[in-house]
């Protein structure tokens, strides 16, 4: 299974190198490990994150694409759907099948048709439209809903920090 995952990841990396997607770049953290990718996301235009350059690590399981990767921001980011340790929490990164808590439909969760491109584009979309009904970061969700000025201030600080890291 790991060799199939490795071949698929090599193909996806090659495709992204040949046909870059606007808004992010991806490559290997270590040339000897196809299962760990470095991802750079440019804050989407016309969003609160515009101007930011956010780094993340995407880690793939040996049984990819049957099971999803994890994605963790290594840049500081303030968002209702990102845990304080940087781990991204969105439906398509949850294991396939029925949601034990009944919150998500099976079709919203991981499916093997997803690619690195579709995952990162979903995360870019998440930056544009936070889901405060199922937050990973409760404090950020409350600020998003009730204290928007404070929320924006924390994001501006994250953007400044991300620019300083360039």
Protein backbone atom coordinates (compact mmCIF):
# COMPACT_ATOMS: atom_id res chain seq x y z
CA UNK A 1 0.00 0.00 0.00
CA UNK A 2 2.81 2.42 0.87
CA UNK A 3 4.33 2.01 -2.59
CA UNK A 4 0.97 2.88 -4.22
CA UNK A 5 0.69 5.92 -1.96
CA UNK A 6 4.25 6.89 -2.81
CA UNK A 7 3.60 6.64 -6.55
CA UNK A 8 0.41 8.69 -6.29
CA UNK A 9 2.13 11.39 -4.22
CA UNK A 10 5.03 11.53 -6.70
CA UNK A 11 2.52 12.03 -9.52
CA UNK A 12 0.66 14.78 -7.63
CA UNK A 13 3.93 16.56 -6.85
CA UNK A 14 5.02 16.33 -10.48
CA UNK A 15 1.63 17.67 -11.64
CA UNK A 16 1.83 20.63 -9.23
CA UNK A 17 5.36 21.42 -10.40
CA UNK A 18 4.27 21.33 -14.05
CA UNK A 19 1.02 23.22 -13.47
CA UNK A 20 1.33 25.47 -10.40
CA UNK A 21 -1.92 26.58 -8.79
CA UNK A 22 -2.40 30.23 -7.88
CA UNK A 23 -2.48 30.89 -4.15
CA UNK A 24 -0.11 28.22 -2.89
CA UNK A 25 3.03 26.24 -3.50
CA UNK A 26 4.00 22.78 -2.29
CA UNK A 27 7.10 20.67 -2.16
CA UNK A 28 8.78 18.04 -0.05
CA UNK A 29 10.14 18.85 3.40
CA UNK A 30 12.88 16.28 2.76
CA UNK A 31 13.61 14.89 -0.70
CA UNK A 32 13.81 11.39 0.82
CA UNK A 33 10.29 11.47 2.32
CA UNK A 34 7.37 11.72 -0.12
CA UNK A 35 4.93 11.53 2.83
CA UNK A 36 5.75 14.97 4.29
CA UNK A 37 5.14 18.13 2.28
CA UNK A 38 5.83 21.78 2.93
CA UNK A 39 2.97 24.02 1.84
CA UNK A 40 3.01 27.81 1.52
CA UNK A 41 -0.35 29.55 1.29
CA UNK A 42 -0.73 33.14 0.20
CA UNK A 43 -3.53 34.87 2.10
CA UNK A 44 -6.46 34.98 -0.35
CA UNK A 45 -7.25 38.38 -1.91
CA UNK A 46 -10.26 40.23 -0.50
CA UNK A 47 -10.14 38.28 2.78
CA UNK A 48 -8.90 39.17 6.24
CA UNK A 49 -5.81 37.02 5.51
CA UNK A 50 -4.77 38.94 2.39
CA UNK A 51 -1.06 39.78 2.43
CA UNK A 52 -0.12 36.84 4.64
CA UNK A 53 2.32 34.05 3.75
CA UNK A 54 1.40 31.01 5.81
CA UNK A 55 3.55 27.89 6.06
CA UNK A 56 2.21 24.44 6.84
CA UNK A 57 3.25 20.80 6.86
CA UNK A 58 1.02 18.21 5.22
CA UNK A 59 1.68 14.67 6.44
CA UNK A 60 0.31 11.73 4.48
CA UNK A 61 -0.44 8.31 5.95
CA UNK A 62 1.04 5.17 4.40
CA UNK A 63 -2.48 4.22 3.27
CA UNK A 64 -3.12 7.46 1.34
CA UNK A 65 -5.45 8.05 -0.54
CA UNK A 66 -7.71 5.70 1.41
CA UNK A 67 -7.16 7.91 4.46
CA UNK A 68 -6.53 11.66 4.54
CA UNK A 69 -3.39 13.56 5.38
CA UNK A 70 -3.13 15.98 8.28
CA UNK A 71 -2.21 19.59 7.79
CA UNK A 72 -0.64 21.75 10.46
CA UNK A 73 0.22 25.42 10.06
CA UNK A 74 3.73 26.16 11.24
CA UNK A 75 3.08 29.89 10.90
CA UNK A 76 0.98 31.48 13.59
CA UNK A 77 -2.60 31.72 12.39
CA UNK A 78 -5.80 32.77 14.14
CA UNK A 79 -8.85 31.01 12.76
CA UNK A 80 -11.92 29.20 14.16
CA UNK A 81 -11.07 26.03 12.20
CA UNK A 82 -7.42 25.80 13.21
CA UNK A 83 -6.44 24.43 16.60
CA UNK A 84 -4.04 26.56 18.64
CA UNK A 85 -1.23 24.10 17.75
CA UNK A 86 -1.85 24.81 14.03
CA UNK A 87 -3.72 21.61 13.16
CA UNK A 88 -6.36 22.28 10.50
CA UNK A 89 -9.86 20.96 11.20
CA UNK A 90 -12.05 20.75 8.09
CA UNK A 91 -14.48 18.08 6.98
CA UNK A 92 -12.49 16.76 4.02
CA UNK A 93 -9.56 15.92 6.32
CA UNK A 94 -11.73 13.76 8.58
CA UNK A 95 -11.62 9.98 8.04
CA UNK A 96 -14.04 8.60 5.43
CA UNK A 97 -17.46 7.27 6.28
CA UNK A 98 -20.18 8.27 8.68
CA UNK A 99 -19.43 10.90 11.33
CA UNK A 100 -19.80 9.28 14.78
CA UNK A 101 -21.15 12.57 16.17
CA UNK A 102 -23.62 12.95 13.29
CA UNK A 103 -22.45 16.49 12.46
CA UNK A 104 -21.04 15.81 8.98
CA UNK A 105 -22.45 13.84 6.09
CA UNK A 106 -20.24 11.07 4.71
CA UNK A 107 -20.00 13.02 1.43
CA UNK A 108 -18.42 15.98 3.24
CA UNK A 109 -15.63 13.87 4.72
CA UNK A 110 -12.48 12.47 3.12
CA UNK A 111 -12.78 10.73 -0.22
CA UNK A 112 -9.87 9.19 -2.13
CA UNK A 113 -10.56 11.46 -5.12
CA UNK A 114 -9.10 14.42 -3.20
CA UNK A 115 -5.63 15.57 -4.17
CA UNK A 116 -3.11 17.90 -2.59
CA UNK A 117 -4.53 20.60 -4.85
CA UNK A 118 -8.15 20.06 -3.77
CA UNK A 119 -7.13 19.91 -0.09
CA UNK A 120 -5.18 23.17 -0.18
CA UNK A 121 -7.89 24.91 -2.21
CA UNK A 122 -10.39 23.81 0.48
CA UNK A 123 -8.14 25.28 3.16
CA UNK A 124 -7.85 28.54 1.20
CA UNK A 125 -11.65 28.57 1.02
CA UNK A 126 -11.78 27.93 4.77
CA UNK A 127 -9.67 31.05 5.31
CA UNK A 128 -12.25 33.02 3.36
CA UNK A 129 -15.28 31.51 5.12
CA UNK A 130 -14.70 30.28 8.68
CA UNK A 131 -17.13 27.71 10.08
CA UNK A 132 -17.86 28.97 13.60
CA UNK A 133 -20.51 26.30 14.24
CA UNK A 134 -17.94 23.53 14.60
CA UNK A 135 -14.82 25.33 15.82
CA UNK A 136 -11.42 23.85 16.55
CA UNK A 137 -10.49 27.12 18.28
CA UNK A 138 -13.46 28.18 20.39
CA UNK A 139 -11.92 31.52 21.38
CA UNK A 140 -11.33 32.46 17.72
CA UNK A 141 -14.90 31.40 16.85
CA UNK A 142 -16.37 33.57 19.61
CA UNK A 143 -14.27 36.53 18.46
CA UNK A 144 -15.29 35.90 14.84
CA UNK A 145 -18.95 36.07 15.88
CA UNK A 146 -18.98 38.64 18.67
CA UNK A 147 -15.76 40.68 18.64
CA UNK A 148 -14.87 41.09 14.98
CA UNK A 149 -12.48 44.02 15.62
CA UNK A 150 -10.44 41.94 18.09
CA UNK A 151 -10.47 39.02 15.63
CA UNK A 152 -9.17 41.27 12.82
CA UNK A 153 -6.45 42.68 15.07
CA UNK A 154 -5.11 39.18 15.83
CA UNK A 155 -5.13 38.28 12.14
CA UNK A 156 -3.23 41.46 11.22
CA UNK A 157 -0.59 40.47 13.81
CA UNK A 158 -0.33 36.99 12.24
CA UNK A 159 0.04 38.53 8.78
CA UNK A 160 2.82 40.83 9.99
CA UNK A 161 4.65 37.88 11.58
CA UNK A 162 4.28 35.84 8.40
CA UNK A 163 5.75 38.67 6.32
CA UNK A 164 8.71 38.99 8.70
CA UNK A 165 9.48 35.28 8.20
CA UNK A 166 10.03 35.73 4.45
